[in-house]
Amino acid sequence: MSKEFEIARELEVDATPQQVWEAITTGTAGWLWPMEFEPRQGGATPEGGVVTAWDPPHRFTTRVESDDMPGQSLNQLDQTIEPRDGGRHAWVRYVHSGILTDDWDNQYDGANKHTTFYLHTLTQYLTHFTGRPAAYTSVNGPAASTAADAFDAVARALGLSDDAGEGTRVLAQGPDGRVLDAVVDYRDPYFIGLRTDDAMYRFFGRNHWGAPVGVAVHDFAPDTGAGAGARESDSAWQGWLEKVFA
């Protein structure tokens, strides 16, 4: 049964309205995933939708309507930005709305919790990496990672103790024997965020919603490119997940 939904958040960020605008329109690889928008009202979006509001640096709205989207027939993202503290900071209102067509409660819960984590990652990007180009990597675990305790296995494989909460500096165990000297910037039963001097590592406990766990990396190292280096990282983290759930 189809049903409408709306997920709204408001946040103040340590960034100018222009920096927020650039993050949500051209810098999405730094905190979400890479996307390109035709920069005008009526322009195209990468999901086959349309830009319904393009008012830099104040308002950005996209809308997708399609019966081919899995579990959804309408998806809209609306972001309003206002200056604070004489323009040195910004207030952001983010509204994700649409129509879910299947398994409404589970999909809404997943989208709601993901929104919190994604917007946290946006604030981390604006605070620590704004304007730096990013290479983005994203991989999913094998079928075994849909198990109820799969995300606990991810935390153990990283070497995180149960009391390693937000703000804790850790030496996390990455792929190929690499050690990540990182700060835990987010942790709850559903997500883990690690931040180093040159990257953000995001771990998604999507097993809670019947999907495989996932890993995403936003790499800001100066020599990072979107070519072989990014593909190498895909392969490394895929191997890491395969080993965790072997």
Foldseek 3Di string as FASTA:
>chain_A
DKDKDKAKDKDKAQAFLQLLQCCVAQVVLQQHNGWHWDQDAQTATPVRWGWNDHDPSAKTKIKDADPPPPQFGIWMWIKGWDADPVRSMIMIMIMIMGMGRPPVVLVVVVVNVVVVRSVLSVRVCRVQPGPFHWAKAKDFADLLQLDPCNVVLVCVQQVHDPPLAAQRFDQGQFFPRHTARWGFHHDDPAKTWTDDNFKIKIWGSCSVSRGTIMIMMTGRPPPDDHPPVRVVVNVRRHVSNHVSRD
